[in-house]
Amino acid sequence: MDAQLGRKILVDFPETDEFKEFDFNGKKIRVKKYLDTANDQPLLISTCLDSYLGERFGLKTDGYGAEIIFDIVLLDIATNIKIDSKKVSIDNVYKSGLMWKVYSAIENVMDVKDIVKSVLVDARVERFSISNRIEDFKSYLSGLDEESVRHLAEQVDEVIKSVANSPISSLMEESNR
């Protein structure tokens, strides 16, 4: 215990209303006031990352596209709004001011959006790093003579066999069952 802080005290946290409401074009919109760490935040982060990496919706997006995905998922998980994508474009949602009202109602939305941006930057750096390593390896391989390539292939085969015969391999097989 830090002597300067003094003795620790228990603090009660009162229950608060979980939702804010506002009218939008004659409809009562309900919005979560807080994106929780157990469900909402991981869903937003993973959905944006998956769309950025091209694993969700069969759609590969850039950072800007991932932000649009963020807003679409946000509307789905944090509001009572259902958008008919056949009748309404995302541009209409932005132009109408609806997203601004939703953002204004959620206390931690910008914190979560900053986390998503940080994760996307990390993914972009990692993707670039892997791409560079692959290019370096391709360059290395193109400089090898036939005998060196054959020797490298033999070494790779030995590593694959040793991994296949290792206790780790059997554990992985069990976990896949």
N, C-alpha and C. Protein backbone atom coordinates (compact mmCIF):
# COMPACT_ATOMS: atom_id res chain seq x y z
N MET A 1 0.85 -1.18 0.00
CA MET A 1 0.00 0.00 0.00
C MET A 1 0.89 1.24 0.00
N ASP A 2 0.55 2.17 -0.82
CA ASP A 2 1.26 3.44 -0.90
C ASP A 2 0.81 4.33 0.26
N ALA A 3 1.76 4.71 1.11
CA ALA A 3 1.44 5.49 2.30
C ALA A 3 0.77 6.81 1.96
N GLN A 4 1.13 7.40 0.85
CA GLN A 4 0.55 8.68 0.46
C GLN A 4 -0.91 8.56 0.05
N LEU A 5 -1.29 7.39 -0.44
CA LEU A 5 -2.68 7.19 -0.84
C LEU A 5 -3.58 6.96 0.36
N GLY A 6 -3.04 6.44 1.40
CA GLY A 6 -3.84 6.16 2.58
C GLY A 6 -4.53 4.81 2.47
N ARG A 7 -5.47 4.60 3.38
CA ARG A 7 -6.19 3.33 3.46
C ARG A 7 -7.17 3.22 2.28
N LYS A 8 -7.29 2.02 1.72
CA LYS A 8 -8.21 1.76 0.60
C LYS A 8 -9.64 1.75 1.11
N ILE A 9 -10.53 2.27 0.30
CA ILE A 9 -11.96 2.32 0.65
C ILE A 9 -12.78 1.61 -0.41
N LEU A 10 -13.91 1.10 -0.01
CA LEU A 10 -14.84 0.49 -0.94
C LEU A 10 -15.76 1.58 -1.49
N VAL A 11 -16.01 1.52 -2.78
CA VAL A 11 -16.87 2.50 -3.42
C VAL A 11 -18.05 1.76 -4.05
N ASP A 12 -19.24 2.26 -3.84
CA ASP A 12 -20.42 1.69 -4.48
C ASP A 12 -20.64 2.38 -5.82
N PHE A 13 -21.04 1.60 -6.80
CA PHE A 13 -21.33 2.15 -8.12
C PHE A 13 -22.82 2.00 -8.37
N PRO A 14 -23.53 3.12 -8.40
CA PRO A 14 -24.99 3.03 -8.57
C PRO A 14 -25.35 2.54 -9.97
N GLU A 15 -26.47 1.84 -10.03
CA GLU A 15 -26.99 1.43 -11.33
C GLU A 15 -27.40 2.68 -12.11
N THR A 16 -27.07 2.69 -13.36
CA THR A 16 -27.45 3.82 -14.20
C THR A 16 -28.27 3.32 -15.37
N ASP A 17 -28.98 4.23 -15.97
CA ASP A 17 -29.76 3.88 -17.16
C ASP A 17 -28.78 3.49 -18.27
N GLU A 18 -28.99 2.37 -18.90
CA GLU A 18 -28.07 1.87 -19.91
C GLU A 18 -28.28 2.51 -21.28
N PHE A 19 -29.40 3.20 -21.47
CA PHE A 19 -29.73 3.70 -22.81
C PHE A 19 -30.03 5.19 -22.80
N LYS A 20 -29.77 5.82 -23.92
CA LYS A 20 -30.23 7.17 -24.19
C LYS A 20 -31.24 7.06 -25.30
N GLU A 21 -32.19 7.97 -25.31
CA GLU A 21 -33.19 7.98 -26.37
C GLU A 21 -33.24 9.35 -27.01
N PHE A 22 -33.53 9.34 -28.31
CA PHE A 22 -33.76 10.58 -29.03
C PHE A 22 -34.74 10.30 -30.17
N ASP A 23 -35.36 11.36 -30.64
CA ASP A 23 -36.28 11.23 -31.77
C ASP A 23 -35.51 11.49 -33.06
N PHE A 24 -35.82 10.69 -34.06
CA PHE A 24 -35.20 10.87 -35.37
C PHE A 24 -36.26 10.61 -36.42
N ASN A 25 -36.62 11.62 -37.16
CA ASN A 25 -37.66 11.52 -38.19
C ASN A 25 -38.93 10.86 -37.67
N GLY A 26 -39.32 11.26 -36.47
CA GLY A 26 -40.55 10.77 -35.88
C GLY A 26 -40.45 9.40 -35.23
N LYS A 27 -39.26 8.82 -35.14
CA LYS A 27 -39.06 7.51 -34.52
C LYS A 27 -38.24 7.68 -33.24
N LYS A 28 -38.58 6.88 -32.24
CA LYS A 28 -37.83 6.88 -30.97
C LYS A 28 -36.64 5.94 -31.13
N ILE A 29 -35.43 6.51 -31.10
CA ILE A 29 -34.19 5.73 -31.24
C ILE A 29 -33.61 5.51 -29.85
N ARG A 30 -33.28 4.24 -29.58
CA ARG A 30 -32.64 3.85 -28.32
C ARG A 30 -31.21 3.46 -28.61
N VAL A 31 -30.28 4.02 -27.82
CA VAL A 31 -28.85 3.79 -28.03
C VAL A 31 -28.20 3.41 -26.71
N LYS A 32 -27.35 2.39 -26.74
CA LYS A 32 -26.57 2.06 -25.55
C LYS A 32 -25.68 3.24 -25.21
N LYS A 33 -25.57 3.55 -23.94
CA LYS A 33 -24.71 4.66 -23.51
C LYS A 33 -23.24 4.24 -23.44
N TYR A 34 -22.99 2.94 -23.38
CA TYR A 34 -21.62 2.47 -23.18
C TYR A 34 -21.43 1.16 -23.94
N LEU A 35 -20.33 1.05 -24.67
CA LEU A 35 -19.99 -0.20 -25.37
C LEU A 35 -19.19 -1.06 -24.40
N ASP A 36 -19.77 -2.18 -23.99
CA ASP A 36 -19.12 -2.98 -22.95
C ASP A 36 -17.89 -3.72 -23.47
N THR A 37 -17.01 -4.06 -22.53
CA THR A 37 -15.74 -4.71 -22.88
C THR A 37 -15.89 -6.21 -23.12
N ALA A 38 -16.98 -6.79 -22.66
CA ALA A 38 -17.15 -8.23 -22.80
C ALA A 38 -17.69 -8.63 -24.17
N ASN A 39 -18.58 -7.83 -24.75
CA ASN A 39 -19.22 -8.22 -26.00
C ASN A 39 -19.06 -7.19 -27.11
N ASP A 40 -19.47 -5.97 -26.85
CA ASP A 40 -19.53 -4.96 -27.90
C ASP A 40 -18.15 -4.62 -28.48
N GLN A 41 -17.21 -4.32 -27.61
CA GLN A 41 -15.89 -3.91 -28.09
C GLN A 41 -15.19 -5.03 -28.87
N PRO A 42 -15.13 -6.25 -28.35
CA PRO A 42 -14.47 -7.31 -29.13
C PRO A 42 -15.16 -7.57 -30.47
N LEU A 43 -16.49 -7.47 -30.51
CA LEU A 43 -17.20 -7.69 -31.77
C LEU A 43 -16.84 -6.61 -32.79
N LEU A 44 -16.82 -5.36 -32.36
CA LEU A 44 -16.45 -4.27 -33.27
C LEU A 44 -15.00 -4.42 -33.75
N ILE A 45 -14.10 -4.72 -32.84
CA ILE A 45 -12.69 -4.85 -33.20
C ILE A 45 -12.49 -6.01 -34.16
N SER A 46 -13.04 -7.18 -33.83
CA SER A 46 -12.81 -8.35 -34.68
C SER A 46 -13.49 -8.22 -36.03
N THR A 47 -14.68 -7.62 -36.08
CA THR A 47 -15.37 -7.45 -37.36
C THR A 47 -14.60 -6.51 -38.28
N CYS A 48 -14.11 -5.40 -37.73
CA CYS A 48 -13.33 -4.46 -38.54
C CYS A 48 -12.02 -5.08 -38.99
N LEU A 49 -11.35 -5.80 -38.10
CA LEU A 49 -10.09 -6.44 -38.47
C LEU A 49 -10.33 -7.52 -39.52
N ASP A 50 -11.36 -8.33 -39.32
CA ASP A 50 -11.68 -9.37 -40.30
C ASP A 50 -11.99 -8.77 -41.67
N SER A 51 -12.74 -7.66 -41.69
CA SER A 51 -13.06 -7.05 -42.98
C SER A 51 -11.81 -6.45 -43.61
N TYR A 52 -10.93 -5.90 -42.80
CA TYR A 52 -9.68 -5.35 -43.31
C TYR A 52 -8.80 -6.45 -43.90
N LEU A 53 -8.78 -7.60 -43.24
CA LEU A 53 -7.97 -8.72 -43.71
C LEU A 53 -8.67 -9.54 -44.78
N GLY A 54 -9.95 -9.19 -45.07
CA GLY A 54 -10.67 -9.87 -46.14
C GLY A 54 -11.32 -11.16 -45.73
N GLU A 55 -11.58 -11.34 -44.44
CA GLU A 55 -12.12 -12.60 -43.97
C GLU A 55 -13.60 -12.53 -43.61
N ARG A 56 -14.21 -11.37 -43.70
CA ARG A 56 -15.60 -11.25 -43.30
C ARG A 56 -16.38 -10.64 -44.45
N PHE A 57 -17.57 -11.08 -44.70
CA PHE A 57 -18.46 -10.56 -45.72
C PHE A 57 -17.93 -10.77 -47.14
N GLY A 58 -16.89 -11.58 -47.31
CA GLY A 58 -16.29 -11.75 -48.62
C GLY A 58 -15.78 -10.43 -49.17
N LEU A 59 -15.44 -9.52 -48.28
CA LEU A 59 -15.11 -8.16 -48.65
C LEU A 59 -13.79 -7.79 -48.01
N LYS A 60 -12.88 -7.30 -48.83
CA LYS A 60 -11.61 -6.83 -48.29
C LYS A 60 -11.63 -5.31 -48.35
N THR A 61 -11.46 -4.67 -47.20
CA THR A 61 -11.57 -3.22 -47.14
C THR A 61 -10.23 -2.60 -46.80
N ASP A 62 -10.13 -1.31 -47.07
CA ASP A 62 -8.98 -0.56 -46.56
C ASP A 62 -9.38 0.01 -45.21
N GLY A 63 -8.56 0.87 -44.64
CA GLY A 63 -8.87 1.44 -43.33
C GLY A 63 -10.18 2.21 -43.35
N TYR A 64 -10.45 2.95 -44.44
CA TYR A 64 -11.69 3.72 -44.53
C TYR A 64 -12.89 2.78 -44.58
N GLY A 65 -12.79 1.72 -45.36
CA GLY A 65 -13.88 0.75 -45.44
C GLY A 65 -14.14 0.08 -44.11
N ALA A 66 -13.06 -0.16 -43.35
CA ALA A 66 -13.22 -0.75 -42.02
C ALA A 66 -13.97 0.21 -41.09
N GLU A 67 -13.78 1.52 -41.28
CA GLU A 67 -14.52 2.49 -40.47
C GLU A 67 -16.01 2.46 -40.81
N ILE A 68 -16.34 2.26 -42.06
CA ILE A 68 -17.75 2.13 -42.45
C ILE A 68 -18.34 0.87 -41.84
N ILE A 69 -17.59 -0.23 -41.90
CA ILE A 69 -18.02 -1.48 -41.26
C ILE A 69 -18.26 -1.23 -39.77
N PHE A 70 -17.35 -0.49 -39.13
CA PHE A 70 -17.50 -0.15 -37.71
C PHE A 70 -18.86 0.51 -37.48
N ASP A 71 -19.20 1.50 -38.29
CA ASP A 71 -20.45 2.22 -38.11
C ASP A 71 -21.67 1.34 -38.36
N ILE A 72 -21.59 0.48 -39.35
CA ILE A 72 -22.72 -0.42 -39.64
C ILE A 72 -22.94 -1.39 -38.47
N VAL A 73 -21.84 -1.97 -37.97
CA VAL A 73 -21.95 -2.89 -36.84
C VAL A 73 -22.40 -2.14 -35.58
N LEU A 74 -21.89 -0.92 -35.40
CA LEU A 74 -22.30 -0.10 -34.26
C LEU A 74 -23.81 0.12 -34.27
N LEU A 75 -24.37 0.46 -35.42
CA LEU A 75 -25.82 0.64 -35.51
C LEU A 75 -26.55 -0.64 -35.13
N ASP A 76 -25.98 -1.77 -35.53
CA ASP A 76 -26.63 -3.05 -35.26
C ASP A 76 -26.59 -3.43 -33.78
N ILE A 77 -25.44 -3.27 -33.13
CA ILE A 77 -25.31 -3.78 -31.76
C ILE A 77 -25.66 -2.77 -30.69
N ALA A 78 -25.67 -1.47 -31.04
CA ALA A 78 -25.85 -0.46 -30.00
C ALA A 78 -27.15 0.34 -30.13
N THR A 79 -27.96 0.03 -31.13
CA THR A 79 -29.22 0.78 -31.31
C THR A 79 -30.37 -0.17 -31.63
N ASN A 80 -31.57 0.38 -31.62
CA ASN A 80 -32.75 -0.38 -32.03
C ASN A 80 -33.08 -0.14 -33.50
N ILE A 81 -32.10 0.35 -34.26
CA ILE A 81 -32.30 0.69 -35.67
C ILE A 81 -32.06 -0.53 -36.54
N LYS A 82 -32.98 -0.72 -37.48
CA LYS A 82 -32.81 -1.75 -38.50
C LYS A 82 -32.77 -1.01 -39.83
N ILE A 83 -31.70 -1.22 -40.57
CA ILE A 83 -31.55 -0.52 -41.85
C ILE A 83 -31.78 -1.51 -42.97
N ASP A 84 -32.68 -1.13 -43.88
CA ASP A 84 -32.93 -1.93 -45.08
C ASP A 84 -31.92 -1.49 -46.13
N SER A 85 -30.88 -2.29 -46.32
CA SER A 85 -29.79 -1.90 -47.22
C SER A 85 -30.24 -1.82 -48.68
N LYS A 86 -31.42 -2.38 -48.99
CA LYS A 86 -31.95 -2.28 -50.36
C LYS A 86 -32.55 -0.90 -50.61
N LYS A 87 -32.96 -0.23 -49.52
CA LYS A 87 -33.60 1.07 -49.67
C LYS A 87 -32.72 2.23 -49.23
N VAL A 88 -31.76 1.97 -48.35
CA VAL A 88 -30.98 3.04 -47.73
C VAL A 88 -29.49 2.78 -47.95
N SER A 89 -28.76 3.79 -48.38
CA SER A 89 -27.31 3.66 -48.51
C SER A 89 -26.65 4.21 -47.25
N ILE A 90 -25.43 3.79 -47.02
CA ILE A 90 -24.69 4.28 -45.86
C ILE A 90 -24.48 5.79 -45.97
N ASP A 91 -24.36 6.29 -47.19
CA ASP A 91 -24.22 7.74 -47.38
C ASP A 91 -25.43 8.48 -46.83
N ASN A 92 -26.62 7.92 -47.02
CA ASN A 92 -27.83 8.56 -46.49
C ASN A 92 -27.82 8.59 -44.97
N VAL A 93 -27.28 7.54 -44.36
CA VAL A 93 -27.20 7.47 -42.91
C VAL A 93 -26.29 8.60 -42.41
N TYR A 94 -25.17 8.80 -43.09
CA TYR A 94 -24.24 9.87 -42.69
C TYR A 94 -24.85 11.25 -42.95
N LYS A 95 -25.39 11.46 -44.16
CA LYS A 95 -25.93 12.78 -44.52
C LYS A 95 -27.10 13.19 -43.64
N SER A 96 -27.84 12.23 -43.15
CA SER A 96 -29.02 12.53 -42.33
C SER A 96 -28.66 13.03 -40.93
N GLY A 97 -27.42 12.83 -40.51
CA GLY A 97 -27.01 13.22 -39.17
C GLY A 97 -27.23 12.12 -38.14
N LEU A 98 -27.74 10.98 -38.56
CA LEU A 98 -28.03 9.89 -37.62
C LEU A 98 -26.77 9.39 -36.93
N MET A 99 -25.69 9.18 -37.69
CA MET A 99 -24.47 8.66 -37.06
C MET A 99 -23.94 9.63 -36.02
N TRP A 100 -24.02 10.92 -36.29
CA TRP A 100 -23.55 11.91 -35.33
C TRP A 100 -24.35 11.80 -34.03
N LYS A 101 -25.67 11.63 -34.14
CA LYS A 101 -26.51 11.49 -32.94
C LYS A 101 -26.18 10.21 -32.18
N VAL A 102 -25.94 9.12 -32.91
CA VAL A 102 -25.58 7.86 -32.26
C VAL A 102 -24.24 8.00 -31.55
N TYR A 103 -23.25 8.56 -32.25
CA TYR A 103 -21.94 8.78 -31.63
C TYR A 103 -22.06 9.65 -30.38
N SER A 104 -22.89 10.68 -30.44
CA SER A 104 -23.06 11.59 -29.30
C SER A 104 -23.67 10.89 -28.10
N ALA A 105 -24.44 9.84 -28.32
CA ALA A 105 -25.13 9.14 -27.24
C ALA A 105 -24.24 8.12 -26.54
N ILE A 106 -23.18 7.66 -27.20
CA ILE A 106 -22.34 6.58 -26.65
C ILE A 106 -21.08 7.20 -26.04
N GLU A 107 -20.95 7.06 -24.73
CA GLU A 107 -19.87 7.71 -23.99
C GLU A 107 -18.47 7.29 -24.43
N ASN A 108 -18.27 6.03 -24.77
CA ASN A 108 -16.92 5.55 -25.05
C ASN A 108 -16.70 5.16 -26.52
N VAL A 109 -17.54 5.64 -27.41
CA VAL A 109 -17.43 5.23 -28.81
C VAL A 109 -16.10 5.64 -29.44
N MET A 110 -15.60 6.82 -29.12
CA MET A 110 -14.34 7.26 -29.71
C MET A 110 -13.15 6.48 -29.14
N ASP A 111 -13.24 6.08 -27.88
CA ASP A 111 -12.18 5.24 -27.31
C ASP A 111 -12.12 3.91 -28.04
N VAL A 112 -13.29 3.31 -28.29
CA VAL A 112 -13.34 2.02 -29.00
C VAL A 112 -12.86 2.20 -30.44
N LYS A 113 -13.26 3.29 -31.07
CA LYS A 113 -12.84 3.55 -32.45
C LYS A 113 -11.31 3.72 -32.50
N ASP A 114 -10.73 4.37 -31.50
CA ASP A 114 -9.27 4.52 -31.44
C ASP A 114 -8.58 3.16 -31.30
N ILE A 115 -9.18 2.26 -30.51
CA ILE A 115 -8.62 0.91 -30.37
C ILE A 115 -8.66 0.19 -31.71
N VAL A 116 -9.79 0.30 -32.41
CA VAL A 116 -9.92 -0.34 -33.73
C VAL A 116 -8.85 0.21 -34.68
N LYS A 117 -8.70 1.53 -34.71
CA LYS A 117 -7.69 2.13 -35.59
C LYS A 117 -6.29 1.61 -35.25
N SER A 118 -5.99 1.49 -33.97
CA SER A 118 -4.69 1.00 -33.54
C SER A 118 -4.47 -0.45 -33.99
N VAL A 119 -5.50 -1.27 -33.85
CA VAL A 119 -5.41 -2.67 -34.28
C VAL A 119 -5.21 -2.74 -35.79
N LEU A 120 -5.89 -1.89 -36.54
CA LEU A 120 -5.74 -1.89 -38.01
C LEU A 120 -4.34 -1.43 -38.41
N VAL A 121 -3.79 -0.44 -37.71
CA VAL A 121 -2.43 0.00 -38.00
C VAL A 121 -1.45 -1.14 -37.74
N ASP A 122 -1.62 -1.83 -36.60
CA ASP A 122 -0.76 -2.97 -36.29
C ASP A 122 -0.87 -4.05 -37.36
N ALA A 123 -2.09 -4.31 -37.82
CA ALA A 123 -2.30 -5.34 -38.86
C ALA A 123 -1.63 -4.90 -40.17
N ARG A 124 -1.74 -3.63 -40.50
CA ARG A 124 -1.12 -3.10 -41.72
C ARG A 124 0.40 -3.24 -41.65
N VAL A 125 0.99 -2.91 -40.49
CA VAL A 125 2.44 -3.03 -40.31
C VAL A 125 2.86 -4.49 -40.41
N GLU A 126 2.10 -5.38 -39.76
CA GLU A 126 2.44 -6.81 -39.81
C GLU A 126 2.32 -7.35 -41.23
N ARG A 127 1.27 -6.95 -41.93
CA ARG A 127 1.09 -7.41 -43.31
C ARG A 127 2.26 -6.94 -44.17
N PHE A 128 2.68 -5.70 -44.00
CA PHE A 128 3.80 -5.16 -44.76
C PHE A 128 5.08 -5.91 -44.42
N SER A 129 5.29 -6.20 -43.13
CA SER A 129 6.48 -6.91 -42.69
C SER A 129 6.53 -8.32 -43.28
N ILE A 130 5.42 -9.02 -43.24
CA ILE A 130 5.36 -10.38 -43.81
C ILE A 130 5.61 -10.33 -45.30
N SER A 131 5.00 -9.37 -45.96
CA SER A 131 5.18 -9.21 -47.41
C SER A 131 6.66 -8.99 -47.74
N ASN A 132 7.32 -8.15 -46.95
CA ASN A 132 8.75 -7.91 -47.18
C ASN A 132 9.57 -9.17 -46.96
N ARG A 133 9.23 -9.93 -45.92
CA ARG A 133 9.97 -11.17 -45.66
C ARG A 133 9.79 -12.17 -46.80
N ILE A 134 8.59 -12.24 -47.34
CA ILE A 134 8.34 -13.15 -48.46
C ILE A 134 9.15 -12.72 -49.67
N GLU A 135 9.17 -11.42 -49.95
CA GLU A 135 9.95 -10.91 -51.08
C GLU A 135 11.44 -11.18 -50.88
N ASP A 136 11.93 -10.99 -49.65
CA ASP A 136 13.34 -11.28 -49.36
C ASP A 136 13.65 -12.76 -49.58
N PHE A 137 12.74 -13.63 -49.14
CA PHE A 137 12.94 -15.07 -49.30
C PHE A 137 12.92 -15.45 -50.79
N LYS A 138 11.99 -14.85 -51.54
CA LYS A 138 11.93 -15.12 -52.99
C LYS A 138 13.23 -14.68 -53.66
N SER A 139 13.74 -13.54 -53.26
CA SER A 139 15.00 -13.05 -53.81
C SER A 139 16.14 -13.99 -53.47
N TYR A 140 16.15 -14.47 -52.21
CA TYR A 140 17.17 -15.42 -51.77
C TYR A 140 17.10 -16.70 -52.61
N LEU A 141 15.88 -17.21 -52.80
CA LEU A 141 15.71 -18.45 -53.57
C LEU A 141 16.15 -18.28 -55.01
N SER A 142 15.88 -17.13 -55.60
CA SER A 142 16.24 -16.94 -57.01
C SER A 142 17.75 -16.92 -57.20
N GLY A 143 18.50 -16.66 -56.13
CA GLY A 143 19.96 -16.66 -56.23
C GLY A 143 20.59 -18.01 -55.99
N LEU A 144 19.80 -19.02 -55.66
CA LEU A 144 20.35 -20.34 -55.37
C LEU A 144 20.53 -21.16 -56.65
N ASP A 145 21.57 -21.99 -56.65
CA ASP A 145 21.72 -22.93 -57.76
C ASP A 145 20.87 -24.17 -57.48
N GLU A 146 20.79 -25.05 -58.46
CA GLU A 146 19.91 -26.23 -58.37
C GLU A 146 20.26 -27.11 -57.18
N GLU A 147 21.53 -27.31 -56.91
CA GLU A 147 21.96 -28.17 -55.80
C GLU A 147 21.55 -27.55 -54.45
N SER A 148 21.68 -26.24 -54.32
CA SER A 148 21.30 -25.57 -53.08
C SER A 148 19.80 -25.65 -52.85
N VAL A 149 19.01 -25.54 -53.91
CA VAL A 149 17.55 -25.64 -53.80
C VAL A 149 17.18 -27.04 -53.34
N ARG A 150 17.82 -28.05 -53.91
CA ARG A 150 17.55 -29.45 -53.53
C ARG A 150 17.91 -29.66 -52.06
N HIS A 151 19.03 -29.13 -51.62
CA HIS A 151 19.45 -29.25 -50.22
C HIS A 151 18.45 -28.55 -49.30
N LEU A 152 18.01 -27.36 -49.66
CA LEU A 152 17.02 -26.62 -48.87
C LEU A 152 15.71 -27.41 -48.78
N ALA A 153 15.27 -28.00 -49.90
CA ALA A 153 14.04 -28.79 -49.90
C ALA A 153 14.16 -30.00 -48.98
N GLU A 154 15.33 -30.62 -48.94
CA GLU A 154 15.56 -31.75 -48.04
C GLU A 154 15.46 -31.31 -46.58
N GLN A 155 16.04 -30.17 -46.27
CA GLN A 155 15.98 -29.65 -44.91
C GLN A 155 14.54 -29.33 -44.50
N VAL A 156 13.78 -28.75 -45.41
CA VAL A 156 12.37 -28.45 -45.12
C VAL A 156 11.60 -29.74 -44.88
N ASP A 157 11.83 -30.76 -45.71
CA ASP A 157 11.17 -32.05 -45.51
C ASP A 157 11.49 -32.64 -44.14
N GLU A 158 12.75 -32.54 -43.70
CA GLU A 158 13.14 -33.06 -42.40
C GLU A 158 12.44 -32.32 -41.27
N VAL A 159 12.33 -31.01 -41.40
CA VAL A 159 11.64 -30.23 -40.36
C VAL A 159 10.17 -30.63 -40.31
N ILE A 160 9.55 -30.79 -41.46
CA ILE A 160 8.14 -31.19 -41.51
C ILE A 160 7.96 -32.55 -40.87
N LYS A 161 8.84 -33.50 -41.17
CA LYS A 161 8.75 -34.83 -40.56
C LYS A 161 8.94 -34.78 -39.05
N SER A 162 9.89 -33.98 -38.59
CA SER A 162 10.12 -33.92 -37.14
C SER A 162 8.94 -33.29 -36.42
N VAL A 163 8.32 -32.30 -37.03
CA VAL A 163 7.13 -31.69 -36.43
C VAL A 163 5.98 -32.69 -36.44
N ALA A 164 5.82 -33.42 -37.53
CA ALA A 164 4.74 -34.40 -37.64
C ALA A 164 4.88 -35.50 -36.61
N ASN A 165 6.11 -35.83 -36.23
CA ASN A 165 6.36 -36.90 -35.26
C ASN A 165 6.49 -36.39 -33.83
N SER A 166 6.31 -35.12 -33.63
CA SER A 166 6.50 -34.53 -32.30
C SER A 166 5.23 -34.62 -31.46
N PRO A 167 5.39 -34.51 -30.13
CA PRO A 167 4.22 -34.51 -29.25
C PRO A 167 3.26 -33.34 -29.56
N ILE A 168 3.81 -32.24 -30.04
CA ILE A 168 2.96 -31.09 -30.38
C ILE A 168 1.98 -31.45 -31.48
N SER A 169 2.45 -32.20 -32.46
CA SER A 169 1.59 -32.60 -33.57
C SER A 169 0.40 -33.42 -33.09
N SER A 170 0.66 -34.38 -32.18
CA SER A 170 -0.45 -35.19 -31.68
C SER A 170 -1.42 -34.37 -30.85
N LEU A 171 -0.90 -33.39 -30.11
CA LEU A 171 -1.79 -32.50 -29.35
C LEU A 171 -2.67 -31.67 -30.27
N MET A 172 -2.08 -31.19 -31.37
CA MET A 172 -2.85 -30.39 -32.33
C MET A 172 -3.93 -31.23 -32.98
N GLU A 173 -3.61 -32.50 -33.29
CA GLU A 173 -4.63 -33.37 -33.88
C GLU A 173 -5.78 -33.59 -32.93
N GLU A 174 -5.46 -33.79 -31.63
CA GLU A 174 -6.51 -33.99 -30.63
C GLU A 174 -7.39 -32.76 -30.48
N SER A 175 -6.77 -31.58 -30.53
CA SER A 175 -7.57 -30.37 -30.37
C SER A 175 -8.46 -30.10 -31.58
N ASN A 176 -8.12 -30.65 -32.74
CA ASN A 176 -8.93 -30.46 -33.94
C ASN A 176 -10.10 -31.44 -34.04
N ARG A 177 -10.14 -32.40 -33.15
CA ARG A 177 -11.23 -33.40 -33.19
C ARG A 177 -12.45 -32.91 -32.53
